[in-house]
């Protein structure tokens, strides 16, 4: 059975029917490069999921389809475009940026890798385990240094080379997770959280026991008043701003602070109309 369409958009939380199969997107990472888990559910076969980067192809029965584009109305509202391709189709070219797309290439320079022994030693020093997704990323990268200024549009913080995503760097405390635990987490947050970065404007923290997710949050510097300590943790946590449900979605929301044309990306207060 041949598809009755050659191109279709798959919106978040929806299914698209192309004839021989239904297509859905289980997850989407804005990248770079953008990647997605695309589910193919044939009417006469078994469901399959394909992990694809933008431009890669996947089978639908005897046909070949391509993950061709992704656009965002907001961080949580998006659509993925897939097209049917023939064997003699021209090579894929990246689509031009559109007004709807909010992802832009980010540049994070990892510090290396951590083996399982190093991860266990870190958790023993912290006195608790790390959430699964963030733990996986940390093992693969040991933190990361942004090349240029990066932010999540709408939130008043900036990551840059001197304020990176933290790792295991005891020789250089400002980049070290254990140092952040001692200097910041214990002062402002309960042990349900691990401080993963100290950007300008506040703290980034991951929640350890958020069911099924990592829960990345931002604590604004304006909320960090007084001497801190255990008695203030509950008050501080009420001021936390949720950013993403897991660490990879957080990376998908992270943006360079200039566009490809060199224009400044607006960084607004979360309470301002532009951030609503």
Protein backbone atom coordinates (compact mmCIF):
# COMPACT_ATOMS: atom_id res chain seq x y z
CA UNK A 1 0.00 0.00 0.00
CA UNK A 2 1.51 3.29 -1.12
CA UNK A 3 1.22 6.42 1.00
CA UNK A 4 -1.51 8.82 -0.03
CA UNK A 5 0.64 11.81 0.94
CA UNK A 6 4.27 12.72 0.23
CA UNK A 7 4.71 15.16 3.09
CA UNK A 8 3.11 15.51 6.51
CA UNK A 9 3.50 17.46 9.72
CA UNK A 10 3.42 15.64 13.05
CA UNK A 11 2.39 17.96 15.85
CA UNK A 12 3.25 17.30 19.47
CA UNK A 13 0.84 14.86 21.16
CA UNK A 14 -0.81 13.91 17.86
CA UNK A 15 -0.71 11.06 15.33
CA UNK A 16 -0.48 11.54 11.54
CA UNK A 17 -2.00 8.97 9.15
CA UNK A 18 -0.08 8.59 5.87
CA UNK A 19 -1.92 5.51 4.55
CA UNK A 20 0.19 2.42 5.26
CA UNK A 21 1.06 3.62 8.76
CA UNK A 22 0.48 6.16 11.46
CA UNK A 23 3.39 8.36 12.54
CA UNK A 24 4.01 10.01 15.90
CA UNK A 25 6.93 11.65 17.70
CA UNK A 26 7.71 10.20 21.12
CA UNK A 27 10.39 12.78 21.97
CA UNK A 28 12.09 15.76 20.39
CA UNK A 29 15.45 17.32 21.19
CA UNK A 30 16.10 20.74 19.66
CA UNK A 31 19.80 19.90 19.39
CA UNK A 32 21.95 20.84 17.68
CA UNK A 33 21.40 18.92 15.57
CA UNK A 34 17.67 18.47 16.16
CA UNK A 35 16.79 14.84 16.83
CA UNK A 36 13.57 12.94 17.38
CA UNK A 37 12.16 9.55 18.26
CA UNK A 38 9.71 8.89 15.40
CA UNK A 39 7.24 6.05 15.85
CA UNK A 40 6.02 4.14 12.80
CA UNK A 41 2.88 2.10 13.49
CA UNK A 42 1.95 0.10 10.35
CA UNK A 43 -1.63 -1.02 10.03
CA UNK A 44 -0.41 -4.50 9.09
CA UNK A 45 2.75 -4.79 11.18
CA UNK A 46 4.59 -4.09 14.42
CA UNK A 47 5.28 -0.61 15.76
CA UNK A 48 8.89 0.61 15.47
CA UNK A 49 10.66 3.65 16.88
CA UNK A 50 13.57 5.32 15.05
CA UNK A 51 16.02 7.71 16.69
CA UNK A 52 16.85 10.24 13.98
CA UNK A 53 18.81 13.42 13.50
CA UNK A 54 17.44 16.08 11.18
CA UNK A 55 17.91 14.94 7.56
CA UNK A 56 18.06 11.20 8.28
CA UNK A 57 15.67 8.70 6.70
CA UNK A 58 13.56 5.84 8.06
CA UNK A 59 11.51 3.02 6.48
CA UNK A 60 7.74 2.90 6.26
CA UNK A 61 7.05 -0.48 4.73
CA UNK A 62 8.64 -0.42 1.26
CA UNK A 63 8.90 3.38 1.31
CA UNK A 64 11.61 5.70 2.61
CA UNK A 65 10.74 8.83 4.59
CA UNK A 66 12.97 11.64 5.87
CA UNK A 67 12.94 13.76 9.02
CA UNK A 68 13.02 16.99 7.04
CA UNK A 69 12.33 19.91 9.39
CA UNK A 70 11.13 20.97 12.81
CA UNK A 71 9.49 24.23 13.86
CA UNK A 72 8.43 25.54 17.25
CA UNK A 73 5.60 27.85 18.25
CA UNK A 74 7.02 27.65 21.77
CA UNK A 75 9.24 25.28 23.71
CA UNK A 76 6.29 22.95 24.28
CA UNK A 77 4.38 23.38 20.99
CA UNK A 78 6.08 22.18 17.82
CA UNK A 79 5.67 20.18 14.65
CA UNK A 80 8.01 17.82 12.86
CA UNK A 81 7.91 17.66 9.06
CA UNK A 82 8.57 14.33 7.33
CA UNK A 83 8.57 13.70 3.57
CA UNK A 84 8.53 10.60 1.37
CA UNK A 85 11.71 10.35 -0.69
CA UNK A 86 12.64 8.30 -3.74
CA UNK A 87 16.02 6.62 -4.25
CA UNK A 88 16.97 9.26 -6.84
CA UNK A 89 16.02 12.21 -4.59
CA UNK A 90 18.68 14.93 -4.32
CA UNK A 91 20.82 15.01 -1.16
CA UNK A 92 19.16 16.59 1.84
CA UNK A 93 19.97 20.23 2.53
CA UNK A 94 19.29 21.93 5.90
CA UNK A 95 16.13 24.05 5.67
CA UNK A 96 16.50 27.81 6.13
CA UNK A 97 15.58 29.25 9.50
CA UNK A 98 11.97 30.41 9.65
CA UNK A 99 10.26 32.87 11.92
CA UNK A 100 8.58 30.03 13.81
CA UNK A 101 11.71 28.06 14.61
CA UNK A 102 13.15 29.00 17.97
CA UNK A 103 16.05 26.55 18.08
CA UNK A 104 19.43 27.85 17.03
CA UNK A 105 22.72 25.96 17.07
CA UNK A 106 24.38 25.96 20.47
CA UNK A 107 28.05 25.28 21.05
CA UNK A 108 29.02 23.45 24.23
CA UNK A 109 32.58 22.20 24.67
CA UNK A 110 32.57 19.02 26.86
CA UNK A 111 35.37 18.47 29.34
CA UNK A 112 35.66 14.72 28.79
CA UNK A 113 34.08 11.58 30.21
CA UNK A 114 33.62 10.04 33.66
CA UNK A 115 33.73 6.28 34.18
CA UNK A 116 31.35 4.46 36.49
CA UNK A 117 33.85 4.49 39.34
CA UNK A 118 34.18 8.28 39.12
CA UNK A 119 30.39 8.67 39.00
CA UNK A 120 29.96 6.53 42.08
CA UNK A 121 32.70 8.45 43.89
CA UNK A 122 30.94 11.73 43.06
CA UNK A 123 27.61 10.44 44.36
CA UNK A 124 29.30 9.16 47.53
CA UNK A 125 30.83 12.61 48.12
CA UNK A 126 27.48 14.31 47.48
CA UNK A 127 25.80 11.79 49.78
CA UNK A 128 23.04 10.91 47.28
CA UNK A 129 22.48 9.65 43.77
CA UNK A 130 22.01 11.75 40.66
CA UNK A 131 18.87 11.56 38.49
CA UNK A 132 19.19 9.16 35.57
CA UNK A 133 19.17 11.45 32.53
CA UNK A 134 21.48 14.07 34.00
CA UNK A 135 23.77 11.31 35.28
CA UNK A 136 24.05 9.89 31.76
CA UNK A 137 24.89 13.30 30.28
CA UNK A 138 27.45 14.02 33.01
CA UNK A 139 29.18 10.66 32.46
CA UNK A 140 29.46 11.44 28.74
CA UNK A 141 30.62 15.06 29.09
CA UNK A 142 31.88 15.87 32.62
CA UNK A 143 30.23 19.27 32.31
CA UNK A 144 30.56 21.61 29.35
CA UNK A 145 31.87 25.08 28.63
CA UNK A 146 29.66 27.27 26.42
CA UNK A 147 31.42 28.91 23.49
CA UNK A 148 29.85 32.34 23.71
CA UNK A 149 26.93 33.45 25.85
CA UNK A 150 23.90 31.15 26.11
CA UNK A 151 20.52 31.52 27.77
CA UNK A 152 16.97 30.19 27.87
CA UNK A 153 14.93 33.01 26.32
CA UNK A 154 12.60 34.50 28.91
CA UNK A 155 14.76 33.60 31.91
CA UNK A 156 17.28 36.09 33.36
CA UNK A 157 20.45 34.00 33.43
CA UNK A 158 23.47 33.56 31.20
CA UNK A 159 25.88 30.66 30.81
CA UNK A 160 29.28 31.58 29.38
CA UNK A 161 32.85 30.30 29.39
CA UNK A 162 33.53 31.37 32.98
CA UNK A 163 30.09 30.08 34.14
CA UNK A 164 29.80 26.63 32.53
CA UNK A 165 27.77 23.52 33.22
CA UNK A 166 29.64 21.99 36.14
CA UNK A 167 31.52 18.71 36.27
CA UNK A 168 34.07 16.89 38.42
CA UNK A 169 36.93 19.38 38.59
CA UNK A 170 38.34 19.39 42.14
CA UNK A 171 41.47 21.12 40.85
CA UNK A 172 39.33 24.13 39.81
CA UNK A 173 36.51 24.69 42.35
CA UNK A 174 34.45 27.26 40.33
CA UNK A 175 33.72 24.51 37.77
CA UNK A 176 33.22 21.70 40.31
CA UNK A 177 29.93 20.08 41.37
CA UNK A 178 31.13 19.31 44.89
CA UNK A 179 32.21 22.92 45.41
CA UNK A 180 28.77 24.10 44.26
CA UNK A 181 27.19 21.65 46.68
CA UNK A 182 29.16 23.08 49.58
CA UNK A 183 28.93 26.75 48.65
CA UNK A 184 25.44 27.06 47.20
CA UNK A 185 23.16 24.04 47.50
CA UNK A 186 23.54 23.63 51.27
CA UNK A 187 22.89 27.32 51.75
CA UNK A 188 19.81 27.67 49.57
CA UNK A 189 18.20 24.33 48.68
CA UNK A 190 17.33 20.99 50.25
CA UNK A 191 19.23 17.83 49.34
CA UNK A 192 16.47 17.02 46.84
CA UNK A 193 18.43 19.28 44.50
CA UNK A 194 21.91 19.31 42.99
CA UNK A 195 23.33 22.60 41.71
CA UNK A 196 24.58 21.94 38.18
CA UNK A 197 25.62 25.46 37.15
CA UNK A 198 26.21 28.91 38.62
CA UNK A 199 25.23 31.19 35.72
CA UNK A 200 25.07 34.93 36.08
CA UNK A 201 21.66 35.71 37.54
CA UNK A 202 21.21 32.73 39.88
CA UNK A 203 21.60 28.96 40.10
CA UNK A 204 20.59 26.01 37.91
CA UNK A 205 19.59 22.89 39.82
CA UNK A 206 18.30 19.43 38.99
CA UNK A 207 15.71 17.77 41.24
CA UNK A 208 16.64 14.23 42.15
CA UNK A 209 13.30 12.53 42.79
CA UNK A 210 10.92 14.13 40.34
CA UNK A 211 8.87 11.10 39.13
CA UNK A 212 10.04 9.99 35.71
CA UNK A 213 11.98 13.18 34.99
CA UNK A 214 15.03 15.19 36.02
CA UNK A 215 13.23 18.54 36.47
CA UNK A 216 15.73 21.32 35.70
CA UNK A 217 15.03 24.52 37.66
CA UNK A 218 16.37 28.05 37.98
CA UNK A 219 16.71 29.91 41.28
CA UNK A 220 16.93 33.66 40.61
CA UNK A 221 19.63 35.64 42.37
CA UNK A 222 16.95 38.09 43.52
CA UNK A 223 15.40 35.31 45.63
CA UNK A 224 18.66 34.49 47.39
CA UNK A 225 18.36 36.90 50.31
CA UNK A 226 19.66 36.65 53.84
CA UNK A 227 22.17 34.16 55.19
CA UNK A 228 20.44 31.06 53.85
CA UNK A 229 20.56 27.68 55.57
CA UNK A 230 18.16 24.76 56.13
CA UNK A 231 15.37 26.96 57.47
CA UNK A 232 15.21 28.94 54.25
CA UNK A 233 15.24 25.98 51.82
CA UNK A 234 11.44 25.64 51.62
CA UNK A 235 11.06 29.34 50.92
CA UNK A 236 13.77 29.22 48.26
CA UNK A 237 12.22 26.20 46.56
CA UNK A 238 8.92 28.05 46.24
CA UNK A 239 10.85 30.61 44.13
CA UNK A 240 12.32 28.02 41.77
CA UNK A 241 11.36 28.47 38.11
CA UNK A 242 10.92 25.20 36.20
CA UNK A 243 12.77 25.09 32.88
CA UNK A 244 12.47 21.56 31.50
CA UNK A 245 11.32 18.07 32.46
CA UNK A 246 14.72 16.50 31.81
CA UNK A 247 18.25 17.56 31.10
CA UNK A 248 18.18 16.97 27.35
CA UNK A 249 15.04 19.07 27.00
CA UNK A 250 16.87 21.78 28.94
CA UNK A 251 19.66 21.64 26.37
CA UNK A 252 16.99 21.90 23.68
CA UNK A 253 15.71 25.15 25.20
CA UNK A 254 19.20 26.61 25.58
CA UNK A 255 19.98 29.24 22.93
CA UNK A 256 22.96 31.33 21.90
CA UNK A 257 22.39 34.97 22.75
CA UNK A 258 22.91 36.12 19.19
CA UNK A 259 21.10 34.93 16.07
CA UNK A 260 22.95 33.74 12.95
CA UNK A 261 22.60 37.31 11.64
CA UNK A 262 24.36 38.68 14.72
CA UNK A 263 21.21 40.17 16.23
CA UNK A 264 20.83 40.08 19.99
CA UNK A 265 18.45 37.52 21.43
CA UNK A 266 16.04 39.22 23.89
CA UNK A 267 16.40 38.13 27.50
CA UNK A 268 13.30 39.21 29.37
CA UNK A 269 12.00 38.88 32.89
CA UNK A 270 9.78 35.80 33.31
CA UNK A 271 7.02 38.15 34.52
CA UNK A 272 7.18 40.43 31.51
CA UNK A 273 4.54 40.20 28.74
CA UNK A 274 7.20 39.09 26.25
CA UNK A 275 7.88 35.98 28.32
CA UNK A 276 4.28 34.87 28.64
